[in-house]
């Protein structure tokens, strides 16, 4: 029987931790989340809680990827690929330095 459960990993990988924090800031540090926080008076404590949740999820995905556990990544994709979402077209967006 398959049981869906959360797993908390005690062994911290410092690279995964740094990447997770960076990606969380990349996703939420600027942009619409600032306007939403101001509009709905979201406190700094609540924002920190959202950021921590996001960083933990990113770290989990990174560790699954590094351990080549593609089956569990696929399970997550299948579970959360819900058609009821409001997202229409996904257009990849990348920011960073490039060599010219």
PDB file of N, CA and C in Angstrom:
ATOM      1  N   UNK A   1       0.840  -1.173   0.000  1.00  0.00           N
ATOM      2  CA  UNK A   1       0.000   0.000   0.000  1.00  0.00           C
ATOM      3  C   UNK A   1       0.890   1.243   0.000  1.00  0.00           C
ATOM      4  N   UNK A   2       0.561   2.201  -0.864  1.00  0.00           N
ATOM      5  CA  UNK A   2       1.304   3.438  -0.964  1.00  0.00           C
ATOM      6  C   UNK A   2       0.728   4.464   0.006  1.00  0.00           C
ATOM      7  N   UNK A   3       1.577   5.048   0.824  1.00  0.00           N
ATOM      8  CA  UNK A   3       1.141   6.063   1.782  1.00  0.00           C
ATOM      9  C   UNK A   3       1.900   7.352   1.490  1.00  0.00           C
ATOM     10  N   UNK A   4       1.152   8.452   1.321  1.00  0.00           N
ATOM     11  CA  UNK A   4       1.773   9.749   1.071  1.00  0.00           C
ATOM     12  C   UNK A   4       2.153  10.364   2.405  1.00  0.00           C
ATOM     13  N   UNK A   5       3.408  10.703   2.574  1.00  0.00           N
ATOM     14  CA  UNK A   5       3.850  11.257   3.842  1.00  0.00           C
ATOM     15  C   UNK A   5       4.973  12.256   3.630  1.00  0.00           C
ATOM     16  N   UNK A   6       5.133  13.143   4.586  1.00  0.00           N
ATOM     17  CA  UNK A   6       6.253  14.082   4.571  1.00  0.00           C
ATOM     18  C   UNK A   6       7.434  13.424   5.265  1.00  0.00           C
ATOM     19  N   UNK A   7       8.609  13.710   4.768  1.00  0.00           N
ATOM     20  CA  UNK A   7       9.825  13.209   5.393  1.00  0.00           C
ATOM     21  C   UNK A   7      10.694  14.406   5.724  1.00  0.00           C
ATOM     22  N   UNK A   8      11.155  14.491   6.941  1.00  0.00           N
ATOM     23  CA  UNK A   8      12.077  15.548   7.343  1.00  0.00           C
ATOM     24  C   UNK A   8      13.466  14.929   7.445  1.00  0.00           C
ATOM     25  N   UNK A   9      14.401  15.518   6.755  1.00  0.00           N
ATOM     26  CA  UNK A   9      15.760  14.976   6.726  1.00  0.00           C
ATOM     27  C   UNK A   9      16.607  15.719   7.745  1.00  0.00           C
ATOM     28  N   UNK A  10      17.267  14.964   8.602  1.00  0.00           N
ATOM     29  CA  UNK A  10      18.071  15.567   9.662  1.00  0.00           C
ATOM     30  C   UNK A  10      19.454  15.995   9.166  1.00  0.00           C
ATOM     31  N   UNK A  11      20.033  15.194   8.266  1.00  0.00           N
ATOM     32  CA  UNK A  11      21.355  15.519   7.725  1.00  0.00           C
ATOM     33  C   UNK A  11      21.232  16.684   6.764  1.00  0.00           C
ATOM     34  N   UNK A  12      21.842  17.799   7.100  1.00  0.00           N
ATOM     35  CA  UNK A  12      21.743  18.969   6.230  1.00  0.00           C
ATOM     36  C   UNK A  12      22.933  19.004   5.287  1.00  0.00           C
ATOM     37  N   UNK A  13      22.631  19.241   4.044  1.00  0.00           N
ATOM     38  CA  UNK A  13      23.649  19.447   3.038  1.00  0.00           C
ATOM     39  C   UNK A  13      23.770  20.959   2.870  1.00  0.00           C
ATOM     40  N   UNK A  14      24.936  21.518   3.197  1.00  0.00           N
ATOM     41  CA  UNK A  14      25.098  22.977   3.193  1.00  0.00           C
ATOM     42  C   UNK A  14      24.891  23.570   1.808  1.00  0.00           C
ATOM     43  N   UNK A  15      25.273  22.842   0.755  1.00  0.00           N
ATOM     44  CA  UNK A  15      25.047  23.348  -0.597  1.00  0.00           C
ATOM     45  C   UNK A  15      23.557  23.414  -0.895  1.00  0.00           C
ATOM     46  N   UNK A  16      22.831  22.379  -0.527  1.00  0.00           N
ATOM     47  CA  UNK A  16      21.383  22.352  -0.741  1.00  0.00           C
ATOM     48  C   UNK A  16      20.727  23.462   0.068  1.00  0.00           C
ATOM     49  N   UNK A  17      21.199  23.670   1.279  1.00  0.00           N
ATOM     50  CA  UNK A  17      20.641  24.725   2.126  1.00  0.00           C
ATOM     51  C   UNK A  17      20.858  26.098   1.485  1.00  0.00           C
ATOM     52  N   UNK A  18      22.057  26.363   0.998  1.00  0.00           N
ATOM     53  CA  UNK A  18      22.365  27.654   0.370  1.00  0.00           C
ATOM     54  C   UNK A  18      21.557  27.849  -0.913  1.00  0.00           C
ATOM     55  N   UNK A  19      21.455  26.807  -1.712  1.00  0.00           N
ATOM     56  CA  UNK A  19      20.690  26.898  -2.960  1.00  0.00           C
ATOM     57  C   UNK A  19      19.212  27.117  -2.655  1.00  0.00           C
ATOM     58  N   UNK A  20      18.694  26.426  -1.652  1.00  0.00           N
ATOM     59  CA  UNK A  20      17.277  26.569  -1.283  1.00  0.00           C
ATOM     60  C   UNK A  20      16.963  27.991  -0.826  1.00  0.00           C
ATOM     61  N   UNK A  21      17.841  28.547  -0.003  1.00  0.00           N
ATOM     62  CA  UNK A  21      17.644  29.925   0.454  1.00  0.00           C
ATOM     63  C   UNK A  21      17.704  30.887  -0.722  1.00  0.00           C
ATOM     64  N   UNK A  22      18.675  30.681  -1.605  1.00  0.00           N
ATOM     65  CA  UNK A  22      18.826  31.560  -2.764  1.00  0.00           C
ATOM     66  C   UNK A  22      17.612  31.471  -3.685  1.00  0.00           C
ATOM     67  N   UNK A  23      17.150  30.255  -3.948  1.00  0.00           N
ATOM     68  CA  UNK A  23      15.987  30.091  -4.820  1.00  0.00           C
ATOM     69  C   UNK A  23      14.726  30.677  -4.197  1.00  0.00           C
ATOM     70  N   UNK A  24      14.582  30.559  -2.888  1.00  0.00           N
ATOM     71  CA  UNK A  24      13.429  31.154  -2.212  1.00  0.00           C
ATOM     72  C   UNK A  24      13.456  32.669  -2.362  1.00  0.00           C
ATOM     73  N   UNK A  25      14.632  33.260  -2.171  1.00  0.00           N
ATOM     74  CA  UNK A  25      14.753  34.705  -2.361  1.00  0.00           C
ATOM     75  C   UNK A  25      14.531  35.080  -3.824  1.00  0.00           C
ATOM     76  N   UNK A  26      15.005  34.253  -4.723  1.00  0.00           N
ATOM     77  CA  UNK A  26      14.819  34.489  -6.158  1.00  0.00           C
ATOM     78  C   UNK A  26      13.333  34.459  -6.517  1.00  0.00           C
ATOM     79  N   UNK A  27      12.600  33.515  -5.935  1.00  0.00           N
ATOM     80  CA  UNK A  27      11.172  33.385  -6.221  1.00  0.00           C
ATOM     81  C   UNK A  27      10.329  34.447  -5.525  1.00  0.00           C
ATOM     82  N   UNK A  28      10.634  34.729  -4.257  1.00  0.00           N
ATOM     83  CA  UNK A  28       9.768  35.576  -3.449  1.00  0.00           C
ATOM     84  C   UNK A  28      10.378  36.893  -3.002  1.00  0.00           C
ATOM     85  N   UNK A  29      11.644  37.090  -3.225  1.00  0.00           N
ATOM     86  CA  UNK A  29      12.313  38.278  -2.694  1.00  0.00           C
ATOM     87  C   UNK A  29      11.785  39.582  -3.247  1.00  0.00           C
ATOM     88  N   UNK A  30      11.419  39.560  -4.484  1.00  0.00           N
ATOM     89  CA  UNK A  30      10.952  40.772  -5.148  1.00  0.00           C
ATOM     90  C   UNK A  30       9.732  40.419  -5.982  1.00  0.00           C
ATOM     91  N   UNK A  31       9.155  41.403  -6.592  1.00  0.00           N
ATOM     92  CA  UNK A  31       8.042  41.128  -7.488  1.00  0.00           C
ATOM     93  C   UNK A  31       6.699  41.213  -6.796  1.00  0.00           C
ATOM     94  N   UNK A  32       5.730  40.476  -7.304  1.00  0.00           N
ATOM     95  CA  UNK A  32       4.344  40.585  -6.820  1.00  0.00           C
ATOM     96  C   UNK A  32       4.174  40.281  -5.335  1.00  0.00           C
ATOM     97  N   UNK A  33       5.025  39.446  -4.767  1.00  0.00           N
ATOM     98  CA  UNK A  33       4.838  39.076  -3.354  1.00  0.00           C
ATOM     99  C   UNK A  33       4.969  40.297  -2.443  1.00  0.00           C
ATOM    100  N   UNK A  34       5.806  41.268  -2.812  1.00  0.00           N
ATOM    101  CA  UNK A  34       5.929  42.485  -2.004  1.00  0.00           C
ATOM    102  C   UNK A  34       4.629  43.284  -2.033  1.00  0.00           C
ATOM    103  N   UNK A  35       4.053  43.413  -3.218  1.00  0.00           N
ATOM    104  CA  UNK A  35       2.778  44.126  -3.340  1.00  0.00           C
ATOM    105  C   UNK A  35       1.666  43.405  -2.587  1.00  0.00           C
ATOM    106  N   UNK A  36       1.647  42.091  -2.688  1.00  0.00           N
ATOM    107  CA  UNK A  36       0.626  41.296  -1.989  1.00  0.00           C
ATOM    108  C   UNK A  36       0.793  41.438  -0.479  1.00  0.00           C
ATOM    109  N   UNK A  37       2.037  41.400  -0.006  1.00  0.00           N
ATOM    110  CA  UNK A  37       2.299  41.538   1.432  1.00  0.00           C
ATOM    111  C   UNK A  37       1.802  42.879   1.954  1.00  0.00           C
ATOM    112  N   UNK A  38       2.047  43.931   1.174  1.00  0.00           N
ATOM    113  CA  UNK A  38       1.584  45.262   1.596  1.00  0.00           C
ATOM    114  C   UNK A  38       0.064  45.368   1.511  1.00  0.00           C
ATOM    115  N   UNK A  39      -0.506  44.875   0.430  1.00  0.00           N
ATOM    116  CA  UNK A  39      -1.944  45.006   0.205  1.00  0.00           C
ATOM    117  C   UNK A  39      -2.756  44.309   1.296  1.00  0.00           C
ATOM    118  N   UNK A  40      -2.310  43.111   1.703  1.00  0.00           N
ATOM    119  CA  UNK A  40      -3.058  42.324   2.682  1.00  0.00           C
ATOM    120  C   UNK A  40      -2.432  42.353   4.071  1.00  0.00           C
ATOM    121  N   UNK A  41      -1.509  43.277   4.287  1.00  0.00           N
ATOM    122  CA  UNK A  41      -0.859  43.456   5.587  1.00  0.00           C
ATOM    123  C   UNK A  41      -0.303  42.146   6.141  1.00  0.00           C
ATOM    124  N   UNK A  42       0.413  41.420   5.301  1.00  0.00           N
ATOM    125  CA  UNK A  42       1.043  40.172   5.739  1.00  0.00           C
ATOM    126  C   UNK A  42       2.264  40.537   6.578  1.00  0.00           C
ATOM    127  N   UNK A  43       2.307  40.031   7.783  1.00  0.00           N
ATOM    128  CA  UNK A  43       3.387  40.392   8.709  1.00  0.00           C
ATOM    129  C   UNK A  43       4.703  39.746   8.293  1.00  0.00           C
ATOM    130  N   UNK A  44       5.781  40.270   8.833  1.00  0.00           N
ATOM    131  CA  UNK A  44       7.108  39.721   8.544  1.00  0.00           C
ATOM    132  C   UNK A  44       7.219  38.286   9.070  1.00  0.00           C
ATOM    133  N   UNK A  45       6.557  38.004  10.181  1.00  0.00           N
ATOM    134  CA  UNK A  45       6.566  36.647  10.741  1.00  0.00           C
ATOM    135  C   UNK A  45       5.893  35.677   9.774  1.00  0.00           C
ATOM    136  N   UNK A  46       4.755  36.083   9.216  1.00  0.00           N
ATOM    137  CA  UNK A  46       4.057  35.226   8.247  1.00  0.00           C
ATOM    138  C   UNK A  46       4.868  35.061   6.970  1.00  0.00           C
ATOM    139  N   UNK A  47       5.517  36.126   6.507  1.00  0.00           N
ATOM    140  CA  UNK A  47       6.360  36.036   5.322  1.00  0.00           C
ATOM    141  C   UNK A  47       7.532  35.077   5.570  1.00  0.00           C
ATOM    142  N   UNK A  48       8.106  35.146   6.765  1.00  0.00           N
ATOM    143  CA  UNK A  48       9.203  34.248   7.111  1.00  0.00           C
ATOM    144  C   UNK A  48       8.721  32.800   7.112  1.00  0.00           C
ATOM    145  N   UNK A  49       7.513  32.574   7.611  1.00  0.00           N
ATOM    146  CA  UNK A  49       6.950  31.231   7.643  1.00  0.00           C
ATOM    147  C   UNK A  49       6.735  30.709   6.215  1.00  0.00           C
ATOM    148  N   UNK A  50       6.232  31.552   5.324  1.00  0.00           N
ATOM    149  CA  UNK A  50       6.045  31.169   3.926  1.00  0.00           C
ATOM    150  C   UNK A  50       7.393  30.870   3.270  1.00  0.00           C
ATOM    151  N   UNK A  51       8.370  31.738   3.503  1.00  0.00           N
ATOM    152  CA  UNK A  51       9.709  31.540   2.930  1.00  0.00           C
ATOM    153  C   UNK A  51      10.347  30.252   3.442  1.00  0.00           C
ATOM    154  N   UNK A  52      10.190  29.965   4.743  1.00  0.00           N
ATOM    155  CA  UNK A  52      10.761  28.747   5.320  1.00  0.00           C
ATOM    156  C   UNK A  52      10.129  27.510   4.699  1.00  0.00           C
ATOM    157  N   UNK A  53       8.816  27.527   4.556  1.00  0.00           N
ATOM    158  CA  UNK A  53       8.094  26.416   3.928  1.00  0.00           C
ATOM    159  C   UNK A  53       8.601  26.189   2.503  1.00  0.00           C
ATOM    160  N   UNK A  54       8.741  27.268   1.759  1.00  0.00           N
ATOM    161  CA  UNK A  54       9.215  27.179   0.377  1.00  0.00           C
ATOM    162  C   UNK A  54      10.635  26.632   0.321  1.00  0.00           C
ATOM    163  N   UNK A  55      11.524  27.143   1.167  1.00  0.00           N
ATOM    164  CA  UNK A  55      12.914  26.682   1.190  1.00  0.00           C
ATOM    165  C   UNK A  55      12.993  25.201   1.558  1.00  0.00           C
ATOM    166  N   UNK A  56      12.168  24.762   2.503  1.00  0.00           N
ATOM    167  CA  UNK A  56      12.165  23.348   2.886  1.00  0.00           C
ATOM    168  C   UNK A  56      11.728  22.464   1.722  1.00  0.00           C
ATOM    169  N   UNK A  57      10.706  22.903   0.986  1.00  0.00           N
ATOM    170  CA  UNK A  57      10.222  22.129  -0.155  1.00  0.00           C
ATOM    171  C   UNK A  57      11.264  22.082  -1.271  1.00  0.00           C
ATOM    172  N   UNK A  58      11.899  23.212  -1.537  1.00  0.00           N
ATOM    173  CA  UNK A  58      12.946  23.250  -2.568  1.00  0.00           C
ATOM    174  C   UNK A  58      14.093  22.329  -2.175  1.00  0.00           C
ATOM    175  N   UNK A  59      14.492  22.370  -0.907  1.00  0.00           N
ATOM    176  CA  UNK A  59      15.589  21.514  -0.441  1.00  0.00           C
ATOM    177  C   UNK A  59      15.236  20.041  -0.610  1.00  0.00           C
ATOM    178  N   UNK A  60      14.004  19.694  -0.311  1.00  0.00           N
ATOM    179  CA  UNK A  60      13.570  18.306  -0.484  1.00  0.00           C
ATOM    180  C   UNK A  60      13.661  17.869  -1.932  1.00  0.00           C
ATOM    181  N   UNK A  61      13.196  18.722  -2.852  1.00  0.00           N
ATOM    182  CA  UNK A  61      13.286  18.395  -4.275  1.00  0.00           C
ATOM    183  C   UNK A  61      14.735  18.290  -4.741  1.00  0.00           C
ATOM    184  N   UNK A  62      15.578  19.196  -4.260  1.00  0.00           N
ATOM    185  CA  UNK A  62      16.995  19.139  -4.634  1.00  0.00           C
ATOM    186  C   UNK A  62      17.649  17.842  -4.159  1.00  0.00           C
ATOM    187  N   UNK A  63      17.341  17.442  -2.934  1.00  0.00           N
ATOM    188  CA  UNK A  63      17.925  16.205  -2.416  1.00  0.00           C
ATOM    189  C   UNK A  63      17.416  14.989  -3.178  1.00  0.00           C
ATOM    190  N   UNK A  64      16.144  14.995  -3.553  1.00  0.00           N
ATOM    191  CA  UNK A  64      15.628  13.900  -4.380  1.00  0.00           C
ATOM    192  C   UNK A  64      16.342  13.873  -5.727  1.00  0.00           C
ATOM    193  N   UNK A  65      16.560  15.045  -6.298  1.00  0.00           N
ATOM    194  CA  UNK A  65      17.246  15.120  -7.585  1.00  0.00           C
ATOM    195  C   UNK A  65      18.691  14.647  -7.470  1.00  0.00           C
ATOM    196  N   UNK A  66      19.381  15.103  -6.429  1.00  0.00           N
ATOM    197  CA  UNK A  66      20.781  14.706  -6.237  1.00  0.00           C
ATOM    198  C   UNK A  66      20.923  13.200  -5.983  1.00  0.00           C
ATOM    199  N   UNK A  67      19.928  12.611  -5.325  1.00  0.00           N
ATOM    200  CA  UNK A  67      19.976  11.170  -5.058  1.00  0.00           C
ATOM    201  C   UNK A  67      19.404  10.365  -6.226  1.00  0.00           C
ATOM    202  N   UNK A  68      19.034  11.082  -7.296  1.00  0.00           N
ATOM    203  CA  UNK A  68      18.488  10.458  -8.513  1.00  0.00           C
ATOM    204  C   UNK A  68      17.212   9.650  -8.231  1.00  0.00           C
ATOM    205  N   UNK A  69      16.413  10.132  -7.277  1.00  0.00           N
ATOM    206  CA  UNK A  69      15.156   9.471  -6.936  1.00  0.00           C
ATOM    207  C   UNK A  69      14.043  10.056  -7.811  1.00  0.00           C
ATOM    208  N   UNK A  70      14.130   9.770  -9.095  1.00  0.00           N
ATOM    209  CA  UNK A  70      13.196  10.336 -10.067  1.00  0.00           C
ATOM    210  C   UNK A  70      11.781   9.790  -9.893  1.00  0.00           C
ATOM    211  N   UNK A  71      11.662   8.616  -9.331  1.00  0.00           N
ATOM    212  CA  UNK A  71      10.342   8.038  -9.099  1.00  0.00           C
ATOM    213  C   UNK A  71       9.549   8.898  -8.110  1.00  0.00           C
ATOM    214  N   UNK A  72      10.195   9.325  -7.033  1.00  0.00           N
ATOM    215  CA  UNK A  72       9.497  10.161  -6.048  1.00  0.00           C
ATOM    216  C   UNK A  72       9.240  11.561  -6.585  1.00  0.00           C
ATOM    217  N   UNK A  73      10.154  12.083  -7.390  1.00  0.00           N
ATOM    218  CA  UNK A  73       9.907  13.380  -8.031  1.00  0.00           C
ATOM    219  C   UNK A  73       8.690  13.264  -8.943  1.00  0.00           C
ATOM    220  N   UNK A  74       8.625  12.178  -9.700  1.00  0.00           N
ATOM    221  CA  UNK A  74       7.495  11.945 -10.590  1.00  0.00           C
ATOM    222  C   UNK A  74       6.187  11.821  -9.798  1.00  0.00           C
ATOM    223  N   UNK A  75       6.225  11.169  -8.642  1.00  0.00           N
ATOM    224  CA  UNK A  75       5.039  11.062  -7.785  1.00  0.00           C
ATOM    225  C   UNK A  75       4.546  12.449  -7.356  1.00  0.00           C
ATOM    226  N   UNK A  76       5.492  13.325  -7.000  1.00  0.00           N
ATOM    227  CA  UNK A  76       5.130  14.688  -6.586  1.00  0.00           C
ATOM    228  C   UNK A  76       4.505  15.438  -7.759  1.00  0.00           C
ATOM    229  N   UNK A  77       5.120  15.323  -8.925  1.00  0.00           N
ATOM    230  CA  UNK A  77       4.583  15.988 -10.118  1.00  0.00           C
ATOM    231  C   UNK A  77       3.171  15.500 -10.412  1.00  0.00           C
ATOM    232  N   UNK A  78       2.967  14.209 -10.352  1.00  0.00           N
ATOM    233  CA  UNK A  78       1.641  13.655 -10.631  1.00  0.00           C
ATOM    234  C   UNK A  78       0.604  14.092  -9.595  1.00  0.00           C
ATOM    235  N   UNK A  79       0.999  14.141  -8.326  1.00  0.00           N
ATOM    236  CA  UNK A  79       0.045  14.524  -7.280  1.00  0.00           C
ATOM    237  C   UNK A  79      -0.366  15.984  -7.401  1.00  0.00           C
ATOM    238  N   UNK A  80       0.583  16.870  -7.728  1.00  0.00           N
ATOM    239  CA  UNK A  80       0.297  18.300  -7.725  1.00  0.00           C
ATOM    240  C   UNK A  80       0.015  18.876  -9.107  1.00  0.00           C
ATOM    241  N   UNK A  81      -0.088  18.052 -10.122  1.00  0.00           N
ATOM    242  CA  UNK A  81      -0.437  18.515 -11.458  1.00  0.00           C
ATOM    243  C   UNK A  81      -1.961  18.565 -11.553  1.00  0.00           C
ATOM    244  N   UNK A  82      -2.532  19.609 -10.967  1.00  0.00           N
ATOM    245  CA  UNK A  82      -3.971  19.744 -10.834  1.00  0.00           C
ATOM    246  C   UNK A  82      -4.485  20.710 -11.900  1.00  0.00           C
ATOM    247  N   UNK A  83      -5.503  20.300 -12.628  1.00  0.00           N
ATOM    248  CA  UNK A  83      -6.055  21.138 -13.689  1.00  0.00           C
ATOM    249  C   UNK A  83      -6.842  22.332 -13.176  1.00  0.00           C
ATOM    250  N   UNK A  84      -7.204  22.339 -11.919  1.00  0.00           N
ATOM    251  CA  UNK A  84      -8.046  23.410 -11.374  1.00  0.00           C
ATOM    252  C   UNK A  84      -7.271  24.711 -11.157  1.00  0.00           C
ATOM    253  N   UNK A  85      -6.028  24.741 -11.515  1.00  0.00           N
ATOM    254  CA  UNK A  85      -5.205  25.926 -11.278  1.00  0.00           C
ATOM    255  C   UNK A  85      -5.547  27.040 -12.263  1.00  0.00           C
ATOM    256  N   UNK A  86      -5.203  28.240 -11.899  1.00  0.00           N
ATOM    257  CA  UNK A  86      -5.462  29.401 -12.746  1.00  0.00           C
ATOM    258  C   UNK A  86      -4.299  29.686 -13.691  1.00  0.00           C
ATOM    259  N   UNK A  87      -3.214  28.924 -13.578  1.00  0.00           N
ATOM    260  CA  UNK A  87      -2.052  29.158 -14.432  1.00  0.00           C
ATOM    261  C   UNK A  87      -2.371  28.756 -15.859  1.00  0.00           C
ATOM    262  N   UNK A  88      -2.005  29.604 -16.791  1.00  0.00           N
ATOM    263  CA  UNK A  88      -2.305  29.322 -18.186  1.00  0.00           C
ATOM    264  C   UNK A  88      -1.069  28.795 -18.905  1.00  0.00           C
ATOM    265  N   UNK A  89      -0.293  29.683 -19.458  1.00  0.00           N
ATOM    266  CA  UNK A  89       0.911  29.286 -20.184  1.00  0.00           C
ATOM    267  C   UNK A  89       2.141  29.535 -19.327  1.00  0.00           C
ATOM    268  N   UNK A  90       2.963  28.539 -19.199  1.00  0.00           N
ATOM    269  CA  UNK A  90       4.205  28.673 -18.436  1.00  0.00           C
ATOM    270  C   UNK A  90       5.289  29.116 -19.400  1.00  0.00           C
ATOM    271  N   UNK A  91       5.884  30.254 -19.112  1.00  0.00           N
ATOM    272  CA  UNK A  91       6.974  30.770 -19.935  1.00  0.00           C
ATOM    273  C   UNK A  91       8.214  30.810 -19.056  1.00  0.00           C
ATOM    274  N   UNK A  92       9.228  29.999 -19.352  1.00  0.00           N
ATOM    275  CA  UNK A  92      10.437  29.987 -18.529  1.00  0.00           C
ATOM    276  C   UNK A  92      11.063  31.378 -18.423  1.00  0.00           C
ATOM    277  N   UNK A  93      11.423  31.735 -17.220  1.00  0.00           N
ATOM    278  CA  UNK A  93      12.030  33.033 -16.957  1.00  0.00           C
ATOM    279  C   UNK A  93      13.309  32.795 -16.179  1.00  0.00           C
ATOM    280  N   UNK A  94      14.386  33.304 -16.685  1.00  0.00           N
ATOM    281  CA  UNK A  94      15.682  33.104 -16.041  1.00  0.00           C
ATOM    282  C   UNK A  94      16.365  34.449 -15.889  1.00  0.00           C
ATOM    283  N   UNK A  95      17.031  34.613 -14.765  1.00  0.00           N
ATOM    284  CA  UNK A  95      17.748  35.846 -14.479  1.00  0.00           C
ATOM    285  C   UNK A  95      19.151  35.445 -14.083  1.00  0.00           C
ATOM    286  N   UNK A  96      20.118  36.251 -14.385  1.00  0.00           N
ATOM    287  CA  UNK A  96      21.480  35.978 -13.943  1.00  0.00           C
ATOM    288  C   UNK A  96      22.500  36.495 -14.932  1.00  0.00           C
ATOM    289  N   UNK A  97      23.757  36.289 -14.590  1.00  0.00           N
ATOM    290  CA  UNK A  97      24.849  36.770 -15.421  1.00  0.00           C
ATOM    291  C   UNK A  97      25.107  35.806 -16.558  1.00  0.00           C
ATOM    292  N   UNK A  98      25.406  36.354 -17.719  1.00  0.00           N
ATOM    293  CA  UNK A  98      25.802  35.519 -18.857  1.00  0.00           C
ATOM    294  C   UNK A  98      27.063  36.107 -19.468  1.00  0.00           C
ATOM    295  N   UNK A  99      27.837  35.256 -20.104  1.00  0.00           N
ATOM    296  CA  UNK A  99      29.033  35.707 -20.820  1.00  0.00           C
ATOM    297  C   UNK A  99      28.622  36.187 -22.190  1.00  0.00           C
ATOM    298  N   UNK A 100      29.111  37.355 -22.583  1.00  0.00           N
ATOM    299  CA  UNK A 100      28.824  37.868 -23.935  1.00  0.00           C
ATOM    300  C   UNK A 100      30.114  37.947 -24.712  1.00  0.00           C
TER     301      UNK A 100
END
